[in-house]
């Protein structure tokens, strides 16, 4: 029989305990990452189209499973190709949209909208015909920095299946 010091048994217990804790931590981290990734998404704001609400470099966390979207929600849109967008919903299904070009006002169902999150007037763009009626799964989106935003005024309404989540909080980039 081989001589084994008294502390060797406790060392084996410590080694087993360490490895068990490590494996448990790794499994929990992987499970948390999978759950987070299926329920939430993260996007980094690129550009100035959402100023003054969001700034270049801000990180926005969005909820992927929002069943309904309302006017004013900030959303993450999966664009064609490699481009994704963060925009604000300004028109929902059933809305009839237009612009008062003389006064720079955005109209929903004939009424000028109060939009405290913008700091400039809103004008339509010639690429979309107005009045524009949104159908069951269509949303009209614009950036808050209206003069510097490629949005539904350029490419038309987005469909609900292009929306990949609603913003729930923002990490400021450290301006």
N, C-alpha and C. Protein backbone atom coordinates (compact mmCIF):
# COMPACT_ATOMS: atom_id res chain seq x y z
N UNK A 1 0.84 -1.18 0.00
CA UNK A 1 0.00 0.00 0.00
C UNK A 1 0.88 1.23 0.00
N UNK A 2 0.53 2.15 -0.84
CA UNK A 2 1.31 3.36 -1.00
C UNK A 2 0.92 4.37 0.07
N UNK A 3 1.90 5.05 0.59
CA UNK A 3 1.65 6.05 1.62
C UNK A 3 1.03 7.28 0.97
N UNK A 4 -0.06 7.76 1.56
CA UNK A 4 -0.73 8.96 1.06
C UNK A 4 -0.86 9.93 2.23
N UNK A 5 -0.31 11.14 2.08
CA UNK A 5 -0.42 12.10 3.17
C UNK A 5 -1.89 12.46 3.42
N UNK A 6 -2.15 12.89 4.65
CA UNK A 6 -3.52 13.22 5.05
C UNK A 6 -4.15 14.31 4.18
N UNK A 7 -3.36 15.28 3.77
CA UNK A 7 -3.93 16.39 3.00
C UNK A 7 -4.22 16.04 1.55
N UNK A 8 -3.77 14.90 1.04
CA UNK A 8 -4.02 14.52 -0.36
C UNK A 8 -5.50 14.32 -0.63
N UNK A 9 -6.20 13.69 0.30
CA UNK A 9 -7.64 13.48 0.11
C UNK A 9 -8.37 14.81 0.04
N UNK A 10 -7.99 15.75 0.90
CA UNK A 10 -8.64 17.05 0.84
C UNK A 10 -8.27 17.80 -0.43
N UNK A 11 -7.07 17.57 -0.97
CA UNK A 11 -6.68 18.19 -2.23
C UNK A 11 -7.54 17.66 -3.37
N UNK A 12 -7.81 16.35 -3.38
CA UNK A 12 -8.68 15.78 -4.41
C UNK A 12 -10.06 16.39 -4.32
N UNK A 13 -10.57 16.57 -3.11
CA UNK A 13 -11.88 17.20 -2.93
C UNK A 13 -11.86 18.62 -3.46
N UNK A 14 -10.79 19.37 -3.17
CA UNK A 14 -10.67 20.75 -3.66
C UNK A 14 -10.62 20.76 -5.18
N UNK A 15 -9.87 19.86 -5.78
CA UNK A 15 -9.79 19.80 -7.24
C UNK A 15 -11.14 19.48 -7.86
N UNK A 16 -11.85 18.49 -7.28
CA UNK A 16 -13.18 18.15 -7.79
C UNK A 16 -14.14 19.30 -7.60
N UNK A 17 -14.08 19.96 -6.46
CA UNK A 17 -14.94 21.10 -6.18
C UNK A 17 -14.66 22.24 -7.15
N UNK A 18 -13.39 22.50 -7.42
CA UNK A 18 -13.00 23.57 -8.36
C UNK A 18 -13.55 23.27 -9.75
N UNK A 19 -13.33 22.03 -10.24
CA UNK A 19 -13.77 21.69 -11.57
C UNK A 19 -15.30 21.69 -11.68
N UNK A 20 -15.97 21.20 -10.65
CA UNK A 20 -17.43 21.23 -10.65
C UNK A 20 -17.94 22.67 -10.72
N UNK A 21 -17.35 23.56 -9.92
CA UNK A 21 -17.76 24.97 -9.93
C UNK A 21 -17.48 25.62 -11.27
N UNK A 22 -16.34 25.31 -11.85
CA UNK A 22 -15.97 25.87 -13.15
C UNK A 22 -16.95 25.42 -14.23
N UNK A 23 -17.23 24.12 -14.28
CA UNK A 23 -18.15 23.59 -15.29
C UNK A 23 -19.55 24.17 -15.08
N UNK A 24 -19.98 24.24 -13.84
CA UNK A 24 -21.29 24.81 -13.52
C UNK A 24 -21.36 26.27 -13.99
N UNK A 25 -20.31 27.04 -13.75
CA UNK A 25 -20.28 28.46 -14.16
C UNK A 25 -20.32 28.59 -15.68
N UNK A 26 -19.59 27.74 -16.37
CA UNK A 26 -19.58 27.79 -17.84
C UNK A 26 -20.96 27.44 -18.40
N UNK A 27 -21.58 26.40 -17.86
CA UNK A 27 -22.92 26.01 -18.33
C UNK A 27 -23.93 27.12 -18.07
N UNK A 28 -23.88 27.74 -16.90
CA UNK A 28 -24.79 28.84 -16.58
C UNK A 28 -24.55 30.02 -17.52
N UNK A 29 -23.28 30.35 -17.79
CA UNK A 29 -22.96 31.46 -18.70
C UNK A 29 -23.48 31.19 -20.11
N UNK A 30 -23.30 29.97 -20.59
CA UNK A 30 -23.79 29.63 -21.94
C UNK A 30 -25.32 29.69 -21.98
N UNK A 31 -25.97 29.13 -20.96
CA UNK A 31 -27.43 29.17 -20.92
C UNK A 31 -27.94 30.61 -20.86
N UNK A 32 -27.29 31.45 -20.05
CA UNK A 32 -27.70 32.86 -19.96
C UNK A 32 -27.51 33.56 -21.30
N UNK A 33 -26.41 33.27 -22.00
CA UNK A 33 -26.15 33.90 -23.30
C UNK A 33 -27.21 33.48 -24.32
N UNK A 34 -27.57 32.19 -24.32
CA UNK A 34 -28.58 31.70 -25.26
C UNK A 34 -29.93 32.34 -24.95
N UNK A 35 -30.30 32.38 -23.69
CA UNK A 35 -31.58 32.99 -23.30
C UNK A 35 -31.58 34.47 -23.65
N UNK A 36 -30.49 35.17 -23.31
CA UNK A 36 -30.41 36.60 -23.61
C UNK A 36 -30.54 36.83 -25.11
N UNK A 37 -29.84 36.03 -25.90
CA UNK A 37 -29.83 36.21 -27.35
C UNK A 37 -31.19 35.91 -27.98
N UNK A 38 -31.98 35.02 -27.39
CA UNK A 38 -33.30 34.73 -27.97
C UNK A 38 -34.34 35.77 -27.55
N UNK A 39 -34.14 36.42 -26.42
CA UNK A 39 -35.13 37.38 -25.93
C UNK A 39 -34.75 38.83 -26.21
N UNK A 40 -33.47 39.10 -26.24
CA UNK A 40 -32.99 40.47 -26.38
C UNK A 40 -32.00 40.55 -27.53
N UNK A 41 -31.79 41.77 -27.99
CA UNK A 41 -30.77 42.04 -28.98
C UNK A 41 -30.05 43.31 -28.60
N UNK A 42 -28.90 43.49 -29.18
CA UNK A 42 -28.10 44.68 -28.92
C UNK A 42 -27.72 45.30 -30.26
N UNK A 43 -27.86 46.61 -30.36
CA UNK A 43 -27.47 47.32 -31.56
C UNK A 43 -26.65 48.54 -31.16
N UNK A 44 -25.69 48.87 -31.99
CA UNK A 44 -24.89 50.07 -31.78
C UNK A 44 -25.37 51.11 -32.79
N UNK A 45 -25.72 52.29 -32.29
CA UNK A 45 -26.19 53.36 -33.15
C UNK A 45 -25.02 53.88 -33.98
N UNK A 46 -25.26 53.99 -35.28
CA UNK A 46 -24.23 54.49 -36.18
C UNK A 46 -24.78 55.69 -36.93
N UNK A 47 -24.16 56.83 -36.75
CA UNK A 47 -24.62 58.03 -37.44
C UNK A 47 -25.42 58.95 -36.54
N UNK A 48 -25.98 59.99 -37.15
CA UNK A 48 -26.66 61.04 -36.40
C UNK A 48 -28.16 61.09 -36.64
N UNK A 49 -28.72 60.10 -37.34
CA UNK A 49 -30.12 60.19 -37.74
C UNK A 49 -31.11 60.12 -36.57
N UNK A 50 -30.69 59.68 -35.39
CA UNK A 50 -31.60 59.59 -34.25
C UNK A 50 -31.31 60.66 -33.19
N UNK A 51 -30.43 61.60 -33.48
CA UNK A 51 -30.19 62.69 -32.52
C UNK A 51 -31.42 63.58 -32.44
N UNK A 52 -31.76 64.13 -31.32
CA UNK A 52 -31.04 64.19 -30.05
C UNK A 52 -31.35 63.05 -29.09
N UNK A 53 -32.12 62.05 -29.52
CA UNK A 53 -32.47 60.95 -28.62
C UNK A 53 -31.32 59.97 -28.46
N UNK A 54 -30.74 59.53 -29.57
CA UNK A 54 -29.63 58.58 -29.56
C UNK A 54 -28.47 59.19 -30.33
N UNK A 55 -27.26 58.88 -29.87
CA UNK A 55 -26.07 59.44 -30.49
C UNK A 55 -25.20 58.33 -31.07
N UNK A 56 -24.36 58.71 -32.01
CA UNK A 56 -23.42 57.78 -32.63
C UNK A 56 -22.64 57.05 -31.54
N UNK A 57 -22.63 55.73 -31.58
CA UNK A 57 -21.91 54.94 -30.60
C UNK A 57 -22.74 54.47 -29.42
N UNK A 58 -23.93 55.02 -29.23
CA UNK A 58 -24.80 54.54 -28.16
C UNK A 58 -25.15 53.07 -28.42
N UNK A 59 -25.33 52.32 -27.35
CA UNK A 59 -25.72 50.92 -27.45
C UNK A 59 -27.16 50.81 -26.97
N UNK A 60 -28.01 50.23 -27.81
CA UNK A 60 -29.41 50.09 -27.45
C UNK A 60 -29.74 48.60 -27.29
N UNK A 61 -30.40 48.27 -26.21
CA UNK A 61 -30.87 46.91 -25.97
C UNK A 61 -32.34 46.88 -26.35
N UNK A 62 -32.71 45.89 -27.14
CA UNK A 62 -34.10 45.82 -27.57
C UNK A 62 -34.69 44.46 -27.25
N UNK A 63 -36.00 44.45 -27.04
CA UNK A 63 -36.78 43.27 -26.73
C UNK A 63 -37.28 42.69 -28.04
N UNK A 64 -36.90 41.46 -28.33
CA UNK A 64 -37.23 40.84 -29.62
C UNK A 64 -38.67 40.36 -29.73
N UNK A 65 -39.35 40.16 -28.62
CA UNK A 65 -40.65 39.51 -28.67
C UNK A 65 -41.82 40.45 -28.42
N UNK A 66 -41.67 41.69 -28.80
CA UNK A 66 -42.77 42.63 -28.65
C UNK A 66 -43.79 42.33 -29.75
N UNK A 67 -44.99 42.03 -29.35
CA UNK A 67 -46.02 41.70 -30.33
C UNK A 67 -46.66 42.92 -30.96
N UNK A 68 -46.65 44.03 -30.24
CA UNK A 68 -47.28 45.24 -30.75
C UNK A 68 -46.29 46.39 -30.74
N UNK A 69 -46.47 47.26 -31.69
CA UNK A 69 -45.62 48.45 -31.78
C UNK A 69 -46.54 49.66 -31.86
N UNK A 70 -46.14 50.72 -31.19
CA UNK A 70 -46.94 51.93 -31.14
C UNK A 70 -46.16 53.12 -31.68
N UNK A 71 -46.89 54.15 -32.03
CA UNK A 71 -46.26 55.40 -32.43
C UNK A 71 -45.34 55.87 -31.31
N UNK A 72 -44.13 56.25 -31.65
CA UNK A 72 -43.17 56.72 -30.66
C UNK A 72 -42.16 55.68 -30.23
N UNK A 73 -42.43 54.39 -30.48
CA UNK A 73 -41.48 53.35 -30.11
C UNK A 73 -40.21 53.47 -30.94
N UNK A 74 -39.07 53.23 -30.30
CA UNK A 74 -37.80 53.14 -31.02
C UNK A 74 -37.58 51.66 -31.31
N UNK A 75 -37.33 51.36 -32.57
CA UNK A 75 -37.25 49.96 -33.00
C UNK A 75 -35.95 49.68 -33.74
N UNK A 76 -35.66 48.40 -33.82
CA UNK A 76 -34.51 47.90 -34.58
C UNK A 76 -35.07 47.24 -35.83
N UNK A 77 -34.62 47.70 -36.99
CA UNK A 77 -35.12 47.20 -38.27
C UNK A 77 -34.01 46.43 -38.95
N UNK A 78 -34.33 45.22 -39.36
CA UNK A 78 -33.39 44.41 -40.13
C UNK A 78 -33.51 44.85 -41.57
N UNK A 79 -32.46 45.48 -42.07
CA UNK A 79 -32.48 45.98 -43.44
C UNK A 79 -32.07 44.91 -44.43
N UNK A 80 -32.08 45.25 -45.68
CA UNK A 80 -31.63 44.33 -46.71
C UNK A 80 -30.11 44.32 -46.72
N UNK A 81 -29.56 43.19 -46.98
CA UNK A 81 -28.10 43.09 -46.98
C UNK A 81 -27.55 43.19 -45.58
N UNK A 82 -26.48 43.97 -45.40
CA UNK A 82 -25.80 44.06 -44.12
C UNK A 82 -26.25 45.25 -43.29
N UNK A 83 -27.12 46.08 -43.81
CA UNK A 83 -27.50 47.29 -43.08
C UNK A 83 -28.72 47.07 -42.19
N UNK A 84 -28.58 47.50 -40.95
CA UNK A 84 -29.68 47.48 -39.99
C UNK A 84 -29.91 48.92 -39.55
N UNK A 85 -31.11 49.21 -39.04
CA UNK A 85 -31.46 50.58 -38.70
C UNK A 85 -32.12 50.67 -37.34
N UNK A 86 -31.89 51.78 -36.67
CA UNK A 86 -32.63 52.12 -35.45
C UNK A 86 -33.43 53.37 -35.80
N UNK A 87 -34.75 53.27 -35.71
CA UNK A 87 -35.64 54.37 -36.08
C UNK A 87 -36.79 54.46 -35.09
N UNK A 88 -37.61 55.49 -35.25
CA UNK A 88 -38.79 55.69 -34.41
C UNK A 88 -40.04 55.43 -35.25
N UNK A 89 -40.99 54.71 -34.68
CA UNK A 89 -42.26 54.48 -35.37
C UNK A 89 -43.08 55.76 -35.31
N UNK A 90 -43.47 56.24 -36.50
CA UNK A 90 -44.27 57.47 -36.59
C UNK A 90 -45.65 57.21 -37.17
N UNK A 91 -45.84 56.06 -37.78
CA UNK A 91 -47.14 55.69 -38.33
C UNK A 91 -47.38 54.21 -38.15
N UNK A 92 -48.59 53.85 -37.76
CA UNK A 92 -48.95 52.46 -37.51
C UNK A 92 -50.03 52.01 -38.50
N UNK A 93 -50.29 50.70 -38.59
CA UNK A 93 -51.28 50.22 -39.55
C UNK A 93 -52.63 50.96 -39.42
N UNK A 94 -53.15 51.34 -40.58
CA UNK A 94 -54.42 52.06 -40.62
C UNK A 94 -54.27 53.57 -40.71
N UNK A 95 -53.10 54.10 -40.40
CA UNK A 95 -52.87 55.54 -40.46
C UNK A 95 -52.80 56.03 -41.90
N UNK A 96 -53.26 57.25 -42.09
CA UNK A 96 -53.09 57.95 -43.36
C UNK A 96 -52.11 59.09 -43.07
N UNK A 97 -50.97 59.08 -43.76
CA UNK A 97 -49.86 59.98 -43.45
C UNK A 97 -49.66 61.03 -44.54
N UNK A 98 -49.19 62.18 -44.12
CA UNK A 98 -48.87 63.25 -45.05
C UNK A 98 -48.00 64.29 -44.37
N UNK A 99 -47.69 65.34 -45.12
CA UNK A 99 -46.85 66.40 -44.61
C UNK A 99 -47.44 67.75 -44.99
N UNK A 100 -47.39 68.70 -44.07
CA UNK A 100 -47.72 70.09 -44.36
C UNK A 100 -46.39 70.73 -44.74
N UNK A 101 -46.10 70.76 -46.03
CA UNK A 101 -44.81 71.23 -46.52
C UNK A 101 -44.56 72.72 -46.22
N UNK A 102 -45.63 73.51 -46.13
CA UNK A 102 -45.47 74.94 -45.85
C UNK A 102 -44.97 75.19 -44.43
N UNK A 103 -45.44 74.38 -43.48
CA UNK A 103 -45.09 74.60 -42.08
C UNK A 103 -44.13 73.55 -41.52
N UNK A 104 -43.75 72.55 -42.33
CA UNK A 104 -42.83 71.52 -41.87
C UNK A 104 -43.42 70.62 -40.81
N UNK A 105 -44.68 70.22 -41.01
CA UNK A 105 -45.36 69.39 -40.02
C UNK A 105 -45.66 68.00 -40.59
N UNK A 106 -45.56 67.01 -39.73
CA UNK A 106 -45.91 65.63 -40.07
C UNK A 106 -47.37 65.42 -39.66
N UNK A 107 -48.18 64.88 -40.58
CA UNK A 107 -49.61 64.70 -40.34
C UNK A 107 -49.97 63.22 -40.27
N UNK A 108 -50.73 62.87 -39.24
CA UNK A 108 -51.27 61.52 -39.12
C UNK A 108 -52.78 61.66 -39.06
N UNK A 109 -53.45 61.04 -40.02
CA UNK A 109 -54.92 61.12 -40.13
C UNK A 109 -55.39 62.57 -40.15
N UNK A 110 -54.61 63.41 -40.83
CA UNK A 110 -54.97 64.82 -41.01
C UNK A 110 -54.57 65.73 -39.86
N UNK A 111 -54.03 65.20 -38.78
CA UNK A 111 -53.66 66.02 -37.62
C UNK A 111 -52.15 66.15 -37.49
N UNK A 112 -51.70 67.38 -37.24
CA UNK A 112 -50.28 67.63 -37.01
C UNK A 112 -49.85 66.92 -35.73
N UNK A 113 -48.68 66.30 -35.77
CA UNK A 113 -48.19 65.53 -34.64
C UNK A 113 -47.28 66.37 -33.74
N UNK A 114 -47.47 66.21 -32.44
CA UNK A 114 -46.57 66.82 -31.47
C UNK A 114 -45.45 65.81 -31.22
N UNK A 115 -44.24 66.17 -31.57
CA UNK A 115 -43.09 65.28 -31.45
C UNK A 115 -41.98 65.99 -30.66
N UNK A 116 -42.02 65.90 -29.34
CA UNK A 116 -41.06 66.63 -28.51
C UNK A 116 -39.62 66.15 -28.64
N UNK A 117 -39.41 65.00 -29.26
CA UNK A 117 -38.07 64.42 -29.39
C UNK A 117 -37.34 64.90 -30.64
N UNK A 118 -37.95 65.74 -31.46
CA UNK A 118 -37.24 66.28 -32.63
C UNK A 118 -36.96 67.76 -32.41
N UNK A 119 -35.93 68.26 -33.10
CA UNK A 119 -35.59 69.67 -32.94
C UNK A 119 -35.60 70.44 -34.25
N UNK A 120 -36.27 69.90 -35.23
CA UNK A 120 -36.37 70.59 -36.51
C UNK A 120 -37.69 70.23 -37.17
N UNK A 121 -38.03 70.95 -38.19
CA UNK A 121 -39.29 70.69 -38.90
C UNK A 121 -39.16 69.41 -39.73
N UNK A 122 -40.31 68.88 -40.09
CA UNK A 122 -40.35 67.61 -40.83
C UNK A 122 -40.97 67.85 -42.20
N UNK A 123 -40.24 67.43 -43.20
CA UNK A 123 -40.72 67.56 -44.58
C UNK A 123 -40.72 66.18 -45.23
N UNK A 124 -41.64 65.99 -46.15
CA UNK A 124 -41.68 64.74 -46.91
C UNK A 124 -40.54 64.73 -47.92
N UNK A 125 -40.37 63.60 -48.54
CA UNK A 125 -39.37 63.48 -49.60
C UNK A 125 -40.09 62.95 -50.83
N UNK A 126 -39.61 63.32 -51.98
CA UNK A 126 -40.31 63.04 -53.24
C UNK A 126 -40.36 61.55 -53.60
N UNK A 127 -39.66 60.70 -52.86
CA UNK A 127 -39.59 59.29 -53.23
C UNK A 127 -40.83 58.49 -52.83
N UNK A 128 -41.70 59.08 -52.02
CA UNK A 128 -42.92 58.40 -51.57
C UNK A 128 -44.11 59.31 -51.86
N UNK A 129 -45.20 58.73 -52.35
CA UNK A 129 -46.39 59.51 -52.65
C UNK A 129 -47.28 59.64 -51.42
N UNK A 130 -47.78 60.86 -51.19
CA UNK A 130 -48.66 61.14 -50.05
C UNK A 130 -49.98 61.69 -50.58
N UNK A 131 -51.08 61.46 -49.90
CA UNK A 131 -51.19 60.76 -48.62
C UNK A 131 -50.87 59.27 -48.79
N UNK A 132 -50.27 58.70 -47.75
CA UNK A 132 -49.86 57.30 -47.73
C UNK A 132 -50.68 56.57 -46.68
N UNK A 133 -51.39 55.54 -47.10
CA UNK A 133 -52.18 54.73 -46.17
C UNK A 133 -51.38 53.48 -45.81
N UNK A 134 -51.24 53.23 -44.51
CA UNK A 134 -50.50 52.05 -44.05
C UNK A 134 -51.45 50.86 -43.91
N UNK A 135 -51.03 49.74 -44.44
CA UNK A 135 -51.84 48.52 -44.38
C UNK A 135 -51.54 47.75 -43.10
N UNK A 136 -52.17 46.61 -42.94
CA UNK A 136 -52.18 45.82 -41.71
C UNK A 136 -50.80 45.59 -41.09
N UNK A 137 -49.79 45.32 -41.86
CA UNK A 137 -48.48 44.99 -41.29
C UNK A 137 -47.42 46.05 -41.63
N UNK A 138 -47.84 47.26 -41.92
CA UNK A 138 -46.90 48.30 -42.32
C UNK A 138 -46.72 49.35 -41.24
N UNK A 139 -45.48 49.84 -41.13
CA UNK A 139 -45.13 50.89 -40.18
C UNK A 139 -44.31 51.94 -40.91
N UNK A 140 -44.54 53.18 -40.55
CA UNK A 140 -43.79 54.30 -41.12
C UNK A 140 -42.79 54.75 -40.07
N UNK A 141 -41.51 54.76 -40.42
CA UNK A 141 -40.46 55.08 -39.45
C UNK A 141 -39.64 56.27 -39.93
N UNK A 142 -39.19 57.07 -38.97
CA UNK A 142 -38.31 58.20 -39.27
C UNK A 142 -37.27 58.32 -38.17
N UNK A 143 -36.16 58.92 -38.52
CA UNK A 143 -35.17 59.27 -37.52
C UNK A 143 -35.58 60.57 -36.85
N UNK A 144 -35.07 60.82 -35.66
CA UNK A 144 -35.42 62.05 -34.95
C UNK A 144 -34.71 63.27 -35.54
N UNK A 145 -33.57 63.08 -36.18
CA UNK A 145 -32.86 64.16 -36.86
C UNK A 145 -33.33 64.13 -38.31
N UNK A 146 -34.49 64.71 -38.53
CA UNK A 146 -35.22 64.52 -39.77
C UNK A 146 -34.46 64.92 -41.03
N UNK A 147 -33.64 65.95 -40.96
CA UNK A 147 -32.93 66.37 -42.17
C UNK A 147 -31.73 65.48 -42.47
N UNK A 148 -31.37 64.59 -41.54
CA UNK A 148 -30.21 63.72 -41.73
C UNK A 148 -30.60 62.26 -41.55
N UNK A 149 -31.77 61.88 -42.04
CA UNK A 149 -32.23 60.51 -41.83
C UNK A 149 -32.73 59.88 -43.11
N UNK A 150 -32.19 58.71 -43.42
CA UNK A 150 -32.74 57.86 -44.47
C UNK A 150 -33.81 57.03 -43.77
N UNK A 151 -35.05 57.17 -44.18
CA UNK A 151 -36.13 56.51 -43.45
C UNK A 151 -37.29 56.22 -44.40
N UNK A 152 -38.47 56.01 -43.85
CA UNK A 152 -39.63 55.66 -44.68
C UNK A 152 -39.96 56.72 -45.72
N UNK A 153 -39.49 57.94 -45.53
CA UNK A 153 -39.71 58.96 -46.55
C UNK A 153 -38.87 58.66 -47.78
N UNK A 154 -37.82 57.85 -47.62
CA UNK A 154 -36.96 57.46 -48.73
C UNK A 154 -37.36 56.10 -49.32
N UNK A 155 -37.61 55.13 -48.44
CA UNK A 155 -37.81 53.76 -48.92
C UNK A 155 -39.21 53.22 -48.64
N UNK A 156 -40.12 54.04 -48.16
CA UNK A 156 -41.48 53.59 -47.92
C UNK A 156 -41.64 52.90 -46.57
N UNK A 157 -42.84 52.42 -46.33
CA UNK A 157 -43.16 51.77 -45.06
C UNK A 157 -42.36 50.48 -44.92
N UNK A 158 -42.11 50.09 -43.66
CA UNK A 158 -41.46 48.81 -43.39
C UNK A 158 -42.52 47.83 -42.93
N UNK A 159 -42.30 46.56 -43.21
CA UNK A 159 -43.27 45.55 -42.78
C UNK A 159 -42.93 45.08 -41.37
N UNK A 160 -43.90 44.53 -40.70
CA UNK A 160 -43.71 44.08 -39.33
C UNK A 160 -42.61 43.02 -39.23
N UNK A 161 -42.46 42.19 -40.27
CA UNK A 161 -41.43 41.16 -40.19
C UNK A 161 -40.02 41.71 -40.35
N UNK A 162 -39.87 42.97 -40.74
CA UNK A 162 -38.56 43.62 -40.77
C UNK A 162 -38.16 44.16 -39.40
N UNK A 163 -39.13 44.31 -38.52
CA UNK A 163 -38.86 44.85 -37.19
C UNK A 163 -38.39 43.71 -36.29
N UNK A 164 -37.21 43.87 -35.74
CA UNK A 164 -36.63 42.81 -34.93
C UNK A 164 -36.59 43.14 -33.45
N UNK A 165 -37.30 44.18 -33.04
CA UNK A 165 -37.38 44.44 -31.62
C UNK A 165 -37.65 45.89 -31.29
N UNK A 166 -38.10 46.10 -30.04
CA UNK A 166 -38.41 47.43 -29.52
C UNK A 166 -37.35 47.80 -28.49
N UNK A 167 -36.81 49.01 -28.61
CA UNK A 167 -35.79 49.47 -27.67
C UNK A 167 -36.32 49.52 -26.25
N UNK A 168 -35.52 49.02 -25.29
CA UNK A 168 -35.95 49.07 -23.89
C UNK A 168 -35.01 49.90 -23.03
N UNK A 169 -33.72 49.96 -23.36
CA UNK A 169 -32.85 50.91 -22.69
C UNK A 169 -31.58 51.14 -23.49
N UNK A 170 -30.90 52.23 -23.14
CA UNK A 170 -29.75 52.70 -23.90
C UNK A 170 -28.56 52.87 -22.96
N UNK A 171 -27.40 52.47 -23.43
CA UNK A 171 -26.15 52.76 -22.76
C UNK A 171 -25.50 53.89 -23.52
N UNK A 172 -25.34 55.03 -22.89
CA UNK A 172 -24.78 56.23 -23.52
C UNK A 172 -23.30 55.97 -23.83
N UNK A 173 -22.87 56.43 -24.98
CA UNK A 173 -21.51 56.15 -25.46
C UNK A 173 -20.44 56.98 -24.75
N UNK A 174 -20.80 57.91 -23.93
CA UNK A 174 -19.80 58.70 -23.21
C UNK A 174 -19.41 59.95 -23.96
N UNK A 175 -20.40 60.71 -24.34
CA UNK A 175 -20.15 61.97 -25.08
C UNK A 175 -19.34 62.93 -24.26
